[in-house]
Amino acid sequence: MFRGRLVASHESPARLEHVLAELRRRPLGELREPALDETALMPAVRAVHEPRYLDFLRTAWDDWVALDPANADLDALPSVWPLPNRHGFRQDGWPDNIAARLGQFAFDSGTPLTAGSWRAALGGAACALAAAQAVLAGERGAFALTRPPGHHAGPGFCGGYCFLNNAAIAAQALRDGGHARVAVLDVDYHHGNGTQTVFYERADVLTLSLHGDPRTEYPFFLGHADERGAGAGEGFNRNWPLPRGTGLATWRAALDQALQAVSDFGATALVVPLGLDTFEGDPISGFRLRSADYAGIGAALASPGLPTLFTFEGGYAVAEVGVNAVNLLEGFERAA
């Protein structure tokens, strides 16, 4: 649902297939499909997401169909939202009606739940956790190629096509695996509001994001430069909001500042929510990076010399997303 009408989703299976095809054409390493063992996976997921939210995701589709059997042929979309508590709306309950719960746990109407959403999200989390385990085992780099993406999902909310936050799950797994300080550097066109929210009050995970200015760009309500963290996490969150039309020189200058922040933090591992919607041909974004630019960006991301984990986020110029992704990964590998 986009601005009052149903449209074809930009987040499509073809995105993943184009990246896979390019990885087979220009191999960079072993392609692995991790087993989905929900029992083994859930501790890592619960380390990032709230139990009540996970209960909602697990049961939402069945509850949606139980509301009306005809719903089996429809996407589950929210139509009512509680405003923040300062307006008098309560969010501490568990509404009996699934239509209300959809709005309680979602911040937009463009992230439909379907029959396979929970299992698909779990598959993405399993991939992110497997990538973290590969890095913990000594790999210099690993790429979690998943859909749906994850960086817009927060501790207790979904949105932006995201249900479980793969980057946050990976970062927490690296922390739990022994890395004292983990940096998350989000290069998607859209601010990683979910990841910022997960770690906003923590000093052991530095969150950094380069993105379109939220005054004009989705997700609008987070991602401003004055958001620096809170409590123990004050000073450990940095945002670089950039105007629509930003080209490589300005974008790279912001990236250099973010990489310096990674170094100053003393990170021992790096997680990169890898959005390719910074590409000049992306249909829902506004930066002007070109395919040839991504190899240099990959090399820059290797410059801190850290074990690095990439999670696949946005990038909706479907025909080019595979080339752009592998250009970046190839640039990283050559520099590493």
Protein backbone atom coordinates (compact mmCIF):
# COMPACT_ATOMS: atom_id res chain seq x y z
CA MET A 1 0.00 0.00 0.00
CA PHE A 2 1.69 3.21 -1.16
CA ARG A 3 0.05 6.61 -0.74
CA GLY A 4 -3.48 5.29 -0.90
CA ARG A 5 -3.16 2.65 -3.59
CA LEU A 6 -1.93 -0.90 -3.98
CA VAL A 7 1.21 -1.14 -6.09
CA ALA A 8 3.64 -3.90 -6.96
CA SER A 9 6.25 -4.23 -4.22
CA HIS A 10 9.75 -3.06 -5.07
CA GLU A 11 11.09 -5.78 -2.74
CA SER A 12 10.84 -8.74 -5.10
CA PRO A 13 12.40 -12.22 -5.42
CA ALA A 14 14.23 -11.05 -8.55
CA ARG A 15 16.52 -8.87 -6.41
CA LEU A 16 18.06 -11.89 -4.72
CA GLU A 17 18.17 -13.91 -7.93
CA HIS A 18 20.14 -11.21 -9.76
CA VAL A 19 22.74 -11.10 -6.97
CA LEU A 20 23.02 -14.89 -6.91
CA ALA A 21 23.43 -15.00 -10.69
CA GLU A 22 26.23 -12.43 -10.54
CA LEU A 23 27.95 -14.28 -7.69
CA ARG A 24 27.90 -17.44 -9.81
CA ARG A 25 29.32 -15.49 -12.76
CA ARG A 26 32.05 -13.86 -10.61
CA PRO A 27 32.60 -16.23 -7.69
CA LEU A 28 33.95 -14.70 -4.50
CA GLY A 29 33.66 -17.66 -2.16
CA GLU A 30 31.55 -20.61 -1.19
CA LEU A 31 27.77 -20.20 -1.45
CA ARG A 32 26.15 -21.76 1.60
CA GLU A 33 22.49 -22.13 2.54
CA PRO A 34 22.26 -22.51 6.33
CA ALA A 35 19.77 -24.91 7.84
CA LEU A 36 16.76 -23.30 9.50
CA ASP A 37 16.74 -24.72 13.03
CA GLU A 38 14.27 -22.51 14.88
CA THR A 39 15.21 -23.89 18.29
CA ALA A 40 18.88 -23.07 17.79
CA LEU A 41 18.14 -19.74 16.13
CA MET A 42 15.68 -18.19 18.55
CA PRO A 43 18.15 -17.24 21.34
CA ALA A 44 19.96 -14.99 18.84
CA VAL A 45 16.66 -13.50 17.66
CA ARG A 46 15.42 -12.93 21.22
CA ALA A 47 18.66 -11.13 22.03
CA VAL A 48 17.48 -8.35 19.68
CA HIS A 49 13.67 -8.52 19.53
CA GLU A 50 10.99 -8.33 22.23
CA PRO A 51 9.11 -11.55 23.11
CA ARG A 52 5.67 -10.02 22.54
CA TYR A 53 6.66 -8.86 19.06
CA LEU A 54 8.01 -12.30 18.15
CA ASP A 55 4.78 -13.88 19.39
CA PHE A 56 2.88 -11.52 17.11
CA LEU A 57 4.97 -12.39 14.04
CA ARG A 58 4.70 -16.11 14.73
CA THR A 59 0.90 -16.11 14.93
CA ALA A 60 -0.15 -13.12 12.81
CA TRP A 61 -0.99 -14.94 9.60
CA ASP A 62 -3.06 -17.65 11.27
CA ASP A 63 -4.89 -15.00 13.30
CA TRP A 64 -5.50 -12.98 10.13
CA VAL A 65 -7.10 -15.95 8.40
CA ALA A 66 -9.09 -16.85 11.54
CA LEU A 67 -10.58 -13.34 11.50
CA ASP A 68 -12.16 -14.14 8.11
CA PRO A 69 -11.33 -17.20 5.97
CA ALA A 70 -11.45 -14.95 2.87
CA ASN A 71 -8.35 -13.21 4.23
CA ALA A 72 -6.30 -16.19 3.06
CA ASP A 73 -6.32 -14.56 -0.38
CA LEU A 74 -5.30 -11.12 0.91
CA ASP A 75 -2.19 -9.56 2.37
CA ALA A 76 -2.37 -8.69 6.06
CA LEU A 77 -1.95 -4.92 6.27
CA PRO A 78 -2.53 -2.55 9.19
CA SER A 79 -5.29 0.04 8.97
CA VAL A 80 -5.19 1.58 12.46
CA TRP A 81 -2.24 2.69 14.60
CA PRO A 82 -1.90 3.82 18.23
CA LEU A 83 -0.21 7.18 18.56
CA PRO A 84 2.54 7.59 21.19
CA ASN A 85 1.46 7.46 24.81
CA ARG A 86 1.62 11.23 25.20
CA HIS A 87 -1.58 11.36 23.13
CA GLY A 88 -3.36 9.00 25.48
CA PHE A 89 -3.20 5.86 23.33
CA ARG A 90 -2.20 2.75 25.25
CA GLN A 91 0.19 0.19 23.78
CA ASP A 92 0.67 -2.05 26.79
CA GLY A 93 -2.23 -4.39 26.02
CA TRP A 94 -2.72 -7.23 23.57
CA PRO A 95 -5.82 -6.44 21.45
CA ASP A 96 -8.00 -9.44 20.68
CA ASN A 97 -8.45 -8.26 17.10
CA ILE A 98 -5.54 -9.02 14.77
CA ALA A 99 -6.35 -5.88 12.75
CA ALA A 100 -5.40 -3.83 15.80
CA ARG A 101 -2.26 -5.87 16.48
CA LEU A 102 -1.07 -5.29 12.91
CA GLY A 103 -1.03 -1.56 13.62
CA GLN A 104 0.43 -2.03 17.10
CA PHE A 105 3.59 -3.64 15.71
CA ALA A 106 3.99 -1.93 12.29
CA PHE A 107 5.03 1.63 11.48
CA ASP A 108 3.92 1.64 7.83
CA SER A 109 1.34 0.12 5.51
CA GLY A 110 3.87 -1.02 2.93
CA THR A 111 5.08 -4.16 4.68
CA PRO A 112 2.43 -6.82 4.13
CA LEU A 113 2.41 -10.06 6.07
CA THR A 114 1.70 -13.16 4.01
CA ALA A 115 1.52 -16.88 4.70
CA GLY A 116 5.29 -17.27 4.43
CA SER A 117 6.51 -14.07 6.08
CA TRP A 118 7.52 -15.55 9.45
CA ARG A 119 9.48 -18.41 7.92
CA ALA A 120 11.13 -16.11 5.37
CA ALA A 121 12.19 -13.71 8.14
CA LEU A 122 13.55 -16.62 10.18
CA GLY A 123 15.50 -17.79 7.14
CA GLY A 124 17.09 -14.36 6.86
CA ALA A 125 18.00 -14.36 10.53
CA ALA A 126 19.50 -17.85 10.17
CA CYS A 127 21.62 -16.59 7.27
CA ALA A 128 22.81 -13.57 9.28
CA LEU A 129 23.67 -15.77 12.25
CA ALA A 130 25.57 -18.23 10.03
CA ALA A 131 27.53 -15.32 8.55
CA ALA A 132 28.40 -14.12 12.05
CA GLN A 133 29.55 -17.61 12.99
CA ALA A 134 31.75 -17.71 9.87
CA VAL A 135 33.37 -14.42 10.90
CA LEU A 136 33.83 -15.67 14.45
CA ALA A 137 35.52 -18.75 13.00
CA GLY A 138 38.09 -16.57 11.23
CA GLU A 139 36.62 -15.51 7.89
CA ARG A 140 37.72 -12.01 6.87
CA GLY A 141 34.31 -11.30 5.33
CA ALA A 142 30.86 -12.84 4.94
CA PHE A 143 27.73 -11.73 3.08
CA ALA A 144 24.23 -12.64 4.31
CA LEU A 145 22.18 -12.58 1.11
CA THR A 146 18.61 -12.56 2.37
CA ARG A 147 15.16 -11.30 1.66
CA PRO A 148 13.23 -9.79 3.23
CA PRO A 149 15.80 -7.19 4.35
CA GLY A 150 16.07 -6.23 8.01
CA HIS A 151 17.48 -2.85 9.01
CA HIS A 152 14.11 -1.11 9.46
CA ALA A 153 12.88 -3.72 11.99
CA GLY A 154 13.24 -2.63 15.60
CA PRO A 155 13.00 -4.44 18.92
CA GLY A 156 9.21 -4.45 18.72
CA PHE A 157 8.18 -3.24 15.26
CA CYS A 158 8.28 -4.07 11.56
CA GLY A 159 8.26 -1.79 8.52
CA GLY A 160 10.18 -0.96 5.38
CA TYR A 161 9.81 -4.56 4.12
CA CYS A 162 11.62 -5.71 7.30
CA PHE A 163 10.48 -8.08 10.08
CA LEU A 164 13.66 -9.27 11.83
CA ASN A 165 16.78 -7.14 11.95
CA ASN A 166 19.49 -9.29 10.37
CA ALA A 167 22.27 -6.73 10.90
CA ALA A 168 21.43 -6.31 14.59
CA ILE A 169 21.19 -10.08 15.08
CA ALA A 170 24.62 -10.46 13.47
CA ALA A 171 26.14 -7.62 15.51
CA GLN A 172 24.80 -9.06 18.75
CA ALA A 173 26.08 -12.52 17.81
CA LEU A 174 29.54 -11.05 17.24
CA ARG A 175 29.38 -9.38 20.64
CA ASP A 176 28.26 -12.61 22.29
CA GLY A 177 31.02 -14.45 20.42
CA GLY A 178 33.76 -12.37 21.99
CA HIS A 179 34.10 -9.12 20.05
CA ALA A 180 34.31 -6.36 22.64
CA ARG A 181 33.23 -3.55 20.34
CA VAL A 182 31.21 -3.91 17.15
CA ALA A 183 30.49 -1.10 14.68
CA VAL A 184 27.44 -1.13 12.41
CA LEU A 185 27.89 1.10 9.36
CA ASP A 186 24.67 1.35 7.34
CA VAL A 187 25.12 2.49 3.72
CA ASP A 188 21.51 2.02 2.55
CA TYR A 189 19.77 5.07 1.07
CA HIS A 190 17.15 4.83 3.82
CA HIS A 191 18.08 5.31 7.46
CA GLY A 192 18.45 2.10 9.48
CA ASN A 193 15.91 3.21 12.08
CA GLY A 194 15.44 -0.27 13.48
CA THR A 195 19.15 -0.87 14.07
CA GLN A 196 19.57 2.55 15.66
CA THR A 197 16.69 1.79 18.04
CA VAL A 198 18.11 -1.60 19.05
CA PHE A 199 21.47 -0.18 20.14
CA TYR A 200 20.62 3.44 20.97
CA GLU A 201 21.35 3.15 24.69
CA ARG A 202 24.44 0.96 24.41
CA ALA A 203 28.14 1.83 24.31
CA ASP A 204 29.41 -1.54 23.06
CA VAL A 205 27.87 -1.25 19.58
CA LEU A 206 28.53 1.88 17.55
CA THR A 207 25.77 2.62 15.01
CA LEU A 208 26.53 4.81 12.00
CA SER A 209 24.31 5.59 9.02
CA LEU A 210 24.68 7.47 5.72
CA HIS A 211 21.26 8.10 4.19
CA GLY A 212 18.76 10.41 2.56
CA ASP A 213 17.72 13.31 4.76
CA PRO A 214 14.68 12.22 6.83
CA ARG A 215 13.11 15.64 6.37
CA THR A 216 12.20 14.45 2.87
CA GLU A 217 13.03 10.71 2.76
CA TYR A 218 11.57 7.54 4.29
CA PRO A 219 11.43 6.52 7.16
CA PHE A 220 11.15 10.24 8.08
CA PHE A 221 10.94 10.02 11.87
CA LEU A 222 14.53 8.98 12.70
CA GLY A 223 17.94 9.60 11.17
CA HIS A 224 18.67 13.22 12.02
CA ALA A 225 22.21 14.38 12.78
CA ASP A 226 21.37 15.32 16.38
CA GLU A 227 20.49 11.72 17.32
CA ARG A 228 23.65 10.75 19.19
CA GLY A 229 22.49 7.95 21.49
CA ALA A 230 21.05 8.08 25.00
CA GLY A 231 22.06 7.00 28.49
CA ALA A 232 25.10 4.73 28.35
CA GLY A 233 24.91 4.97 24.56
CA GLU A 234 25.24 8.73 24.32
CA GLY A 235 27.84 9.52 21.67
CA PHE A 236 27.71 6.03 20.17
CA ASN A 237 25.20 6.78 17.40
CA ARG A 238 26.03 8.98 14.40
CA ASN A 239 23.92 9.93 11.38
CA TRP A 240 24.93 11.60 8.12
CA PRO A 241 21.66 12.74 6.47
CA LEU A 242 22.39 13.78 2.87
CA PRO A 243 20.20 15.64 0.38
CA ARG A 244 18.52 14.04 -2.61
CA GLY A 245 20.86 14.31 -5.58
CA THR A 246 24.03 13.61 -3.59
CA GLY A 247 26.82 12.27 -5.81
CA LEU A 248 29.91 10.19 -5.15
CA ALA A 249 32.26 12.91 -3.87
CA THR A 250 29.95 14.11 -1.10
CA TRP A 251 28.84 10.59 -0.25
CA ARG A 252 32.45 9.34 -0.02
CA ALA A 253 33.38 12.26 2.22
CA ALA A 254 30.64 11.18 4.64
CA LEU A 255 31.81 7.56 4.39
CA ASP A 256 35.36 8.61 5.26
CA GLN A 257 34.06 10.37 8.37
CA ALA A 258 32.10 7.27 9.36
CA LEU A 259 35.14 5.02 8.84
CA GLN A 260 37.19 7.35 11.01
CA ALA A 261 34.52 6.98 13.70
CA VAL A 262 34.87 3.19 13.41
CA SER A 263 38.61 3.52 13.99
CA ASP A 264 38.21 5.98 16.87
CA PHE A 265 35.73 3.61 18.53
CA GLY A 266 38.26 0.79 18.51
CA ALA A 267 35.89 -1.65 16.84
CA THR A 268 37.02 -5.25 16.58
CA ALA A 269 34.38 -6.22 13.99
CA LEU A 270 32.26 -4.38 11.43
CA VAL A 271 28.70 -5.04 10.24
CA VAL A 272 27.58 -3.30 7.04
CA PRO A 273 23.85 -3.20 6.25
CA LEU A 274 24.44 -3.15 2.51
CA GLY A 275 21.81 -1.18 0.64
CA LEU A 276 22.44 -0.66 -3.08
CA ASP A 277 19.59 1.85 -3.43
CA THR A 278 22.23 4.60 -3.48
CA PHE A 279 22.52 3.74 -7.20
CA GLU A 280 21.56 6.52 -9.62
CA GLY A 281 18.92 4.35 -11.32
CA ASP A 282 17.07 3.28 -8.18
CA PRO A 283 13.33 3.91 -8.58
CA ILE A 284 12.58 4.93 -4.98
CA SER A 285 15.79 6.71 -3.95
CA GLY A 286 17.72 9.85 -4.85
CA PHE A 287 21.52 9.50 -4.75
CA ARG A 288 23.69 9.37 -7.88
CA LEU A 289 26.22 6.60 -7.36
CA ARG A 290 27.17 4.58 -10.44
CA SER A 291 27.92 0.89 -10.83
CA ALA A 292 31.64 1.56 -11.23
CA ASP A 293 31.71 3.44 -7.92
CA TYR A 294 30.88 0.40 -5.80
CA ALA A 295 34.26 -1.31 -6.18
CA GLY A 296 35.96 1.68 -4.57
CA ILE A 297 33.34 1.74 -1.82
CA GLY A 298 34.05 -1.91 -1.11
CA ALA A 299 37.77 -1.17 -0.89
CA ALA A 300 37.07 1.69 1.52
CA LEU A 301 35.00 -0.60 3.72
CA ALA A 302 37.99 -2.95 3.90
CA SER A 303 40.32 -0.17 5.02
CA PRO A 304 39.71 -0.54 8.80
CA GLY A 305 41.17 -4.06 8.49
CA LEU A 306 38.32 -5.61 10.47
CA PRO A 307 36.42 -8.86 10.08
CA THR A 308 33.37 -7.62 8.20
CA LEU A 309 29.85 -8.94 7.75
CA PHE A 310 27.48 -7.59 5.10
CA THR A 311 23.71 -7.97 5.20
CA PHE A 312 21.64 -7.45 2.05
CA GLU A 313 19.25 -4.52 2.47
CA GLY A 314 17.75 -2.22 -0.19
CA GLY A 315 18.45 -1.83 -3.89
CA TYR A 316 15.48 -1.76 -6.24
CA ALA A 317 17.01 -1.18 -9.65
CA VAL A 318 16.61 -4.90 -10.08
CA ALA A 319 18.55 -5.42 -13.29
CA GLU A 320 21.65 -3.71 -11.86
CA VAL A 321 21.52 -4.81 -8.22
CA GLY A 322 23.57 -7.95 -8.80
CA VAL A 323 26.39 -6.14 -10.60
CA ASN A 324 26.44 -3.38 -7.99
CA ALA A 325 26.52 -5.81 -5.07
CA VAL A 326 29.30 -7.95 -6.50
CA ASN A 327 31.29 -4.89 -7.58
CA LEU A 328 31.31 -3.77 -3.95
CA LEU A 329 32.13 -7.22 -2.56
CA GLU A 330 34.85 -7.72 -5.16
CA GLY A 331 36.36 -4.34 -4.24
CA PHE A 332 36.29 -5.33 -0.59
CA GLU A 333 37.93 -8.69 -1.26
CA ARG A 334 40.73 -7.24 -3.38
CA ALA A 335 41.55 -4.62 -0.76
CA ALA A 336 41.25 -7.08 2.11
